[in-house]
C-alpha atoms as a PDB file:
ATOM      1  CA  MET A   1      79.095 173.219  45.323  1.00  0.00           C
ATOM      2  CA  SER A   2      74.766 172.424  44.281  1.00  0.00           C
ATOM      3  CA  GLU A   3      73.593 174.751  41.570  1.00  0.00           C
ATOM      4  CA  ASN A   4      70.815 177.469  43.174  1.00  0.00           C
ATOM      5  CA  PHE A   5      67.380 176.900  41.796  1.00  0.00           C
ATOM      6  CA  VAL A   6      64.471 179.433  41.004  1.00  0.00           C
ATOM      7  CA  GLY A   7      60.984 177.677  42.026  1.00  0.00           C
ATOM      8  CA  ASN A   8      58.172 178.756  40.386  1.00  0.00           C
ATOM      9  CA  HIS A   9      54.567 177.473  41.575  1.00  0.00           C
ATOM     10  CA  ALA A  10      53.327 175.942  38.517  1.00  0.00           C
ATOM     11  CA  CYS A  11      56.171 175.067  36.620  1.00  0.00           C
ATOM     12  CA  GLY A  12      58.388 173.586  39.169  1.00  0.00           C
ATOM     13  CA  GLU A  13      62.545 174.849  39.805  1.00  0.00           C
ATOM     14  CA  VAL A  14      65.324 175.047  36.949  1.00  0.00           C
ATOM     15  CA  PRO A  15      68.777 175.915  37.331  1.00  0.00           C
ATOM     16  CA  ALA A  16      69.672 179.553  38.306  1.00  0.00           C
ATOM     17  CA  SER A  17      72.066 179.488  35.637  1.00  0.00           C
ATOM     18  CA  GLN A  18      68.893 178.907  33.142  1.00  0.00           C
ATOM     19  CA  ILE A  19      67.185 181.268  34.135  1.00  0.00           C
ATOM     20  CA  THR A  20      66.660 184.341  31.365  1.00  0.00           C
ATOM     21  CA  THR A  21      67.040 187.988  32.780  1.00  0.00           C
ATOM     22  CA  ILE A  22      64.455 190.539  31.428  1.00  0.00           C
ATOM     23  CA  VAL A  23      64.121 193.966  31.553  1.00  0.00           C
ATOM     24  CA  ILE A  24      60.991 195.555  29.828  1.00  0.00           C
ATOM     25  CA  VAL A  25      61.201 199.120  28.570  1.00  0.00           C
ATOM     26  CA  ASP A  26      57.849 200.678  28.014  1.00  0.00           C
ATOM     27  CA  ASP A  27      55.633 203.499  28.804  1.00  0.00           C
ATOM     28  CA  ASN A  28      51.986 201.490  29.227  1.00  0.00           C
ATOM     29  CA  ALA A  29      52.657 200.581  32.964  1.00  0.00           C
ATOM     30  CA  MET A  30      49.522 198.233  32.582  1.00  0.00           C
ATOM     31  CA  PHE A  31      51.221 196.492  29.264  1.00  0.00           C
ATOM     32  CA  ALA A  32      54.730 196.253  31.459  1.00  0.00           C
ATOM     33  CA  SER A  33      52.899 195.197  34.264  1.00  0.00           C
ATOM     34  CA  LEU A  34      51.023 192.133  32.836  1.00  0.00           C
ATOM     35  CA  LEU A  35      53.955 191.652  30.419  1.00  0.00           C
ATOM     36  CA  SER A  36      56.060 190.817  33.643  1.00  0.00           C
ATOM     37  CA  ALA A  37      53.921 188.961  35.527  1.00  0.00           C
ATOM     38  CA  ALA A  38      53.318 186.492  32.520  1.00  0.00           C
ATOM     39  CA  LEU A  39      57.276 186.133  31.910  1.00  0.00           C
ATOM     40  CA  ASN A  40      57.035 185.114  35.626  1.00  0.00           C
ATOM     41  CA  SER A  41      54.894 182.752  35.730  1.00  0.00           C
ATOM     42  CA  ALA A  42      57.528 180.587  32.714  1.00  0.00           C
ATOM     43  CA  PRO A  43      60.430 178.662  34.541  1.00  0.00           C
ATOM     44  CA  ASP A  44      63.030 179.936  32.715  1.00  0.00           C
ATOM     45  CA  LEU A  45      62.191 183.467  32.207  1.00  0.00           C
ATOM     46  CA  ARG A  46      62.715 186.161  34.960  1.00  0.00           C
ATOM     47  CA  CYS A  47      61.594 189.955  34.876  1.00  0.00           C
ATOM     48  CA  VAL A  48      64.072 191.786  36.695  1.00  0.00           C
ATOM     49  CA  GLY A  49      63.225 195.280  36.460  1.00  0.00           C
ATOM     50  CA  THR A  50      60.943 197.784  34.086  1.00  0.00           C
ATOM     51  CA  ALA A  51      61.312 200.798  32.984  1.00  0.00           C
ATOM     52  CA  SER A  52      58.921 203.804  31.490  1.00  0.00           C
ATOM     53  CA  THR A  53      61.604 206.268  29.959  1.00  0.00           C
ATOM     54  CA  SER A  54      64.338 205.532  27.060  1.00  0.00           C
ATOM     55  CA  ALA A  55      66.662 206.972  29.552  1.00  0.00           C
ATOM     56  CA  GLU A  56      65.480 204.777  32.234  1.00  0.00           C
ATOM     57  CA  GLY A  57      65.990 201.975  30.364  1.00  0.00           C
ATOM     58  CA  ILE A  58      69.159 202.773  29.611  1.00  0.00           C
ATOM     59  CA  SER A  59      70.441 203.192  33.239  1.00  0.00           C
ATOM     60  CA  VAL A  60      68.230 200.099  34.554  1.00  0.00           C
ATOM     61  CA  THR A  61      70.586 197.969  32.031  1.00  0.00           C
ATOM     62  CA  ALA A  62      73.693 199.187  32.541  1.00  0.00           C
ATOM     63  CA  ALA A  63      72.705 198.358  36.148  1.00  0.00           C
ATOM     64  CA  LEU A  64      71.112 195.137  35.832  1.00  0.00           C
ATOM     65  CA  LYS A  65      73.261 193.600  32.766  1.00  0.00           C
ATOM     66  CA  PRO A  66      70.138 191.220  31.986  1.00  0.00           C
ATOM     67  CA  ASP A  67      70.534 188.881  29.027  1.00  0.00           C
ATOM     68  CA  ILE A  68      67.110 190.234  27.224  1.00  0.00           C
ATOM     69  CA  VAL A  69      65.751 193.774  27.326  1.00  0.00           C
ATOM     70  CA  ILE A  70      62.464 194.406  25.731  1.00  0.00           C
ATOM     71  CA  MET A  71      61.638 197.812  24.158  1.00  0.00           C
ATOM     72  CA  ASP A  72      58.939 199.498  22.944  1.00  0.00           C
ATOM     73  CA  ILE A  73      59.643 201.504  19.570  1.00  0.00           C
ATOM     74  CA  GLN A  74      58.173 204.697  20.741  1.00  0.00           C
ATOM     75  CA  MET A  75      57.074 206.268  24.010  1.00  0.00           C
ATOM     76  CA  SER A  76      55.642 209.442  24.446  1.00  0.00           C
ATOM     77  CA  GLY A  77      57.875 210.742  21.824  1.00  0.00           C
ATOM     78  CA  GLN A  78      60.613 209.167  22.785  1.00  0.00           C
ATOM     79  CA  ASP A  79      62.899 206.667  20.520  1.00  0.00           C
ATOM     80  CA  GLY A  80      63.045 203.723  21.607  1.00  0.00           C
ATOM     81  CA  LEU A  81      65.488 202.257  18.625  1.00  0.00           C
ATOM     82  CA  VAL A  82      68.187 205.166  19.573  1.00  0.00           C
ATOM     83  CA  ALA A  83      68.059 203.447  23.202  1.00  0.00           C
ATOM     84  CA  THR A  84      68.348 199.939  21.713  1.00  0.00           C
ATOM     85  CA  SER A  85      71.528 201.303  20.196  1.00  0.00           C
ATOM     86  CA  GLN A  86      72.986 202.782  23.292  1.00  0.00           C
ATOM     87  CA  ILE A  87      72.142 200.141  25.310  1.00  0.00           C
ATOM     88  CA  ARG A  88      73.766 197.755  22.932  1.00  0.00           C
ATOM     89  CA  GLU A  89      77.129 199.883  23.553  1.00  0.00           C
ATOM     90  CA  ALA A  90      76.522 200.087  27.282  1.00  0.00           C
ATOM     91  CA  ALA A  91      75.956 196.447  27.536  1.00  0.00           C
ATOM     92  CA  PRO A  92      76.943 194.595  24.637  1.00  0.00           C
ATOM     93  CA  ASP A  93      76.053 191.279  26.031  1.00  0.00           C
ATOM     94  CA  THR A  94      72.596 191.893  26.293  1.00  0.00           C
ATOM     95  CA  VAL A  95      70.141 191.812  23.478  1.00  0.00           C
ATOM     96  CA  VAL A  96      67.239 193.538  22.578  1.00  0.00           C
ATOM     97  CA  VAL A  97      63.834 192.180  21.584  1.00  0.00           C
ATOM     98  CA  VAL A  98      61.483 195.263  20.050  1.00  0.00           C
ATOM     99  CA  VAL A  99      57.810 195.207  20.367  1.00  0.00           C
ATOM    100  CA  SER A 100      55.776 198.001  18.646  1.00  0.00           C
ATOM    101  CA  ALA A 101      52.396 198.584  16.840  1.00  0.00           C
ATOM    102  CA  HIS A 102      54.138 199.279  13.556  1.00  0.00           C
ATOM    103  CA  HIS A 103      54.552 196.101  11.128  1.00  0.00           C
ATOM    104  CA  ASP A 104      56.250 197.884   8.388  1.00  0.00           C
ATOM    105  CA  ALA A 105      59.732 196.976   6.753  1.00  0.00           C
ATOM    106  CA  ALA A 106      61.018 200.454   7.076  1.00  0.00           C
ATOM    107  CA  TRP A 107      60.668 200.227  11.200  1.00  0.00           C
ATOM    108  CA  VAL A 108      62.305 196.455  10.892  1.00  0.00           C
ATOM    109  CA  ALA A 109      65.369 197.962   8.731  1.00  0.00           C
ATOM    110  CA  ARG A 110      65.662 200.676  12.197  1.00  0.00           C
ATOM    111  CA  ALA A 111      65.566 198.104  14.564  1.00  0.00           C
ATOM    112  CA  ALA A 112      67.839 196.180  12.901  1.00  0.00           C
ATOM    113  CA  GLN A 113      70.691 198.848  12.158  1.00  0.00           C
ATOM    114  CA  ALA A 114      70.119 199.681  16.335  1.00  0.00           C
ATOM    115  CA  GLY A 115      71.245 196.367  16.545  1.00  0.00           C
ATOM    116  CA  ALA A 116      68.223 194.700  18.137  1.00  0.00           C
ATOM    117  CA  ALA A 117      67.506 190.771  17.753  1.00  0.00           C
ATOM    118  CA  ALA A 118      64.181 190.406  16.982  1.00  0.00           C
ATOM    119  CA  PHE A 119      61.183 192.416  16.231  1.00  0.00           C
ATOM    120  CA  VAL A 120      57.370 191.294  17.641  1.00  0.00           C
ATOM    121  CA  ALA A 121      54.107 192.979  17.109  1.00  0.00           C
ATOM    122  CA  LYS A 122      52.388 193.892  20.230  1.00  0.00           C
ATOM    123  CA  ASN A 123      49.100 192.760  19.276  1.00  0.00           C
ATOM    124  CA  GLY A 124      50.393 188.942  18.952  1.00  0.00           C
ATOM    125  CA  MET A 125      50.177 185.908  20.936  1.00  0.00           C
ATOM    126  CA  LEU A 126      51.962 185.501  24.178  1.00  0.00           C
ATOM    127  CA  LYS A 127      53.500 182.368  23.448  1.00  0.00           C
ATOM    128  CA  GLU A 128      55.381 183.459  20.024  1.00  0.00           C
ATOM    129  CA  MET A 129      56.713 186.364  22.227  1.00  0.00           C
ATOM    130  CA  THR A 130      58.097 183.818  24.514  1.00  0.00           C
ATOM    131  CA  ASP A 131      59.378 181.933  21.701  1.00  0.00           C
ATOM    132  CA  VAL A 132      61.292 184.625  20.241  1.00  0.00           C
ATOM    133  CA  LEU A 133      62.468 185.555  23.954  1.00  0.00           C
ATOM    134  CA  ARG A 134      64.071 181.947  24.119  1.00  0.00           C
ATOM    135  CA  ARG A 135      65.632 181.629  20.560  1.00  0.00           C
ATOM    136  CA  VAL A 136      67.123 185.033  20.823  1.00  0.00           C
ATOM    137  CA  ARG A 137      68.641 184.007  24.503  1.00  0.00           C
ATOM    138  CA  SER A 138      69.984 180.634  22.494  1.00  0.00           C
ATOM    139  CA  GLY A 139      72.119 182.867  19.828  1.00  0.00           C
ATOM    140  CA  GLU A 140      69.653 183.577  17.050  1.00  0.00           C
ATOM    141  CA  ASN A 141      68.997 186.686  15.554  1.00  0.00           C
ATOM    142  CA  LEU A 142      66.119 187.244  13.827  1.00  0.00           C
ATOM    143  CA  LEU A 143      66.404 190.281  12.000  1.00  0.00           C
ATOM    144  CA  ASP A 144      68.936 190.202   8.806  1.00  0.00           C
ATOM    145  CA  PRO A 145      70.819 193.448   9.224  1.00  0.00           C
ATOM    146  CA  PRO A 146      71.881 193.162   5.309  1.00  0.00           C
ATOM    147  CA  ARG A 147      68.360 192.809   3.681  1.00  0.00           C
ATOM    148  CA  ALA A 148      67.111 195.393   6.621  1.00  0.00           C
ATOM    149  CA  ALA A 149      69.895 197.763   5.498  1.00  0.00           C
ATOM    150  CA  ARG A 150      69.029 198.029   1.973  1.00  0.00           C
ATOM    151  CA  PRO A 151      68.076 201.955   0.902  1.00  0.00           C
ATOM    152  CA  SER A 152      64.858 200.576  -0.797  1.00  0.00           C
ATOM    153  CA  LEU A 153      63.250 199.287   2.648  1.00  0.00           C
ATOM    154  CA  ALA A 154      64.399 202.420   5.061  1.00  0.00           C
ATOM    155  CA  ALA A 155      62.638 204.690   1.908  1.00  0.00           C
ATOM    156  CA  SER A 156      59.654 203.653   2.286  1.00  0.00           C
ATOM    157  CA  PRO A 157      58.125 202.995   6.139  1.00  0.00           C
ATOM    158  CA  LYS A 158      54.066 202.507   5.032  1.00  0.00           C
ATOM    159  CA  ARG A 159      54.643 199.438   2.521  1.00  0.00           C
ATOM    160  CA  GLU A 160      55.924 196.298   2.687  1.00  0.00           C
ATOM    161  CA  PRO A 161      54.375 193.994   5.537  1.00  0.00           C
ATOM    162  CA  VAL A 162      57.030 191.973   8.225  1.00  0.00           C
ATOM    163  CA  PRO A 163      56.913 188.738   7.227  1.00  0.00           C
ATOM    164  CA  ALA A 164      55.573 186.024   9.746  1.00  0.00           C
ATOM    165  CA  LEU A 165      58.010 184.184  12.190  1.00  0.00           C
ATOM    166  CA  ASP A 166      57.717 180.651  10.821  1.00  0.00           C
ATOM    167  CA  ALA A 167      57.520 181.734   7.050  1.00  0.00           C
ATOM    168  CA  GLN A 168      61.053 183.571   7.248  1.00  0.00           C
ATOM    169  CA  PRO A 169      63.257 182.363  10.635  1.00  0.00           C
ATOM    170  CA  ARG A 170      66.169 184.703  10.022  1.00  0.00           C
ATOM    171  CA  GLY A 171      63.967 187.459   8.702  1.00  0.00           C
ATOM    172  CA  ALA A 172      61.528 190.261  10.496  1.00  0.00           C
ATOM    173  CA  THR A 173      59.753 188.781  13.048  1.00  0.00           C
ATOM    174  CA  ARG A 174      55.898 189.392  13.357  1.00  0.00           C
ATOM    175  CA  VAL A 175      53.211 188.266  15.556  1.00  0.00           C
ATOM    176  CA  PRO A 176      49.900 188.448  12.837  1.00  0.00           C
ATOM    177  CA  GLY A 177      47.401 190.820  14.029  1.00  0.00           C
ATOM    178  CA  ASN A 178      46.795 194.506  13.748  1.00  0.00           C
ATOM    179  CA  SER A 179      46.111 197.051  16.755  1.00  0.00           C
ATOM    180  CA  ARG A 180      47.430 200.712  17.977  1.00  0.00           C
ATOM    181  CA  HIS A 181      50.425 201.641  19.860  1.00  0.00           C
ATOM    182  CA  THR A 182      48.808 200.838  23.371  1.00  0.00           C
ATOM    183  CA  GLY A 183      49.579 196.947  22.511  1.00  0.00           C
ATOM    184  CA  ARG A 184      45.846 195.617  23.354  1.00  0.00           C
ATOM    185  CA  GLY A 185      45.778 192.531  21.426  1.00  0.00           C
ATOM    186  CA  LEU A 186      48.758 191.290  23.696  1.00  0.00           C
ATOM    187  CA  THR A 187      47.138 192.820  26.948  1.00  0.00           C
ATOM    188  CA  ARG A 188      44.191 190.655  26.490  1.00  0.00           C
ATOM    189  CA  ALA A 189      45.851 187.915  25.864  1.00  0.00           C
ATOM    190  CA  LEU A 190      48.382 188.497  28.983  1.00  0.00           C
ATOM    191  CA  ARG A 191      45.621 189.542  31.495  1.00  0.00           C
ATOM    192  CA  SER A 192      43.705 186.023  29.911  1.00  0.00           C
ATOM    193  CA  LYS A 193      46.828 184.190  30.729  1.00  0.00           C
ATOM    194  CA  LEU A 194      47.183 185.924  34.217  1.00  0.00           C
ATOM    195  CA  HIS A 195      43.407 184.950  34.994  1.00  0.00           C
ATOM    196  CA  ALA A 196      43.784 181.180  34.231  1.00  0.00           C
ATOM    197  CA  ALA A 197      46.511 181.163  36.411  1.00  0.00           C
ATOM    198  CA  MET A 198      44.931 182.440  39.627  1.00  0.00           C
ATOM    199  CA  SER A 199      41.850 180.233  38.555  1.00  0.00           C
END
């Protein structure tokens, strides 16, 4: 029986079994839309759904059982880390990658304790985001729960910066830079990529 293939106008075709399915949970509709389109331009990544609230994200994940959920930490007062924990219970085979403008160690500790596999800052480069997605899909956990669970980290939410991805592969994942909760940095990068693809 021949294997199904998924086509991509820019990147060729890959076997359907090698496609990583993704759900994006973020209340910033522009960010979610741009990220979805950018991921779909990669040959091995496919956004199969989006949600704008934690509850919606849990429901969509339970229904679609994606390989990865990209979860915003804070959505209009909602706690994406609580949703992360609930998603890990409802769909244990789904990996959660947390995205946020928060870079400090206490948030990374909470993400690890909630069951997230990686923590990515919203203001970084798209390539680092896709690299992280591929790494966690292959089974890597880029957060270190034993370290993240230390009381000293959890007690100081505004201090120690998250180490860079290349500096500590098994530790907290951070895309360098600085931005607000809106994720303007990555949004700009996504816009640039999509503009180049359509030119």
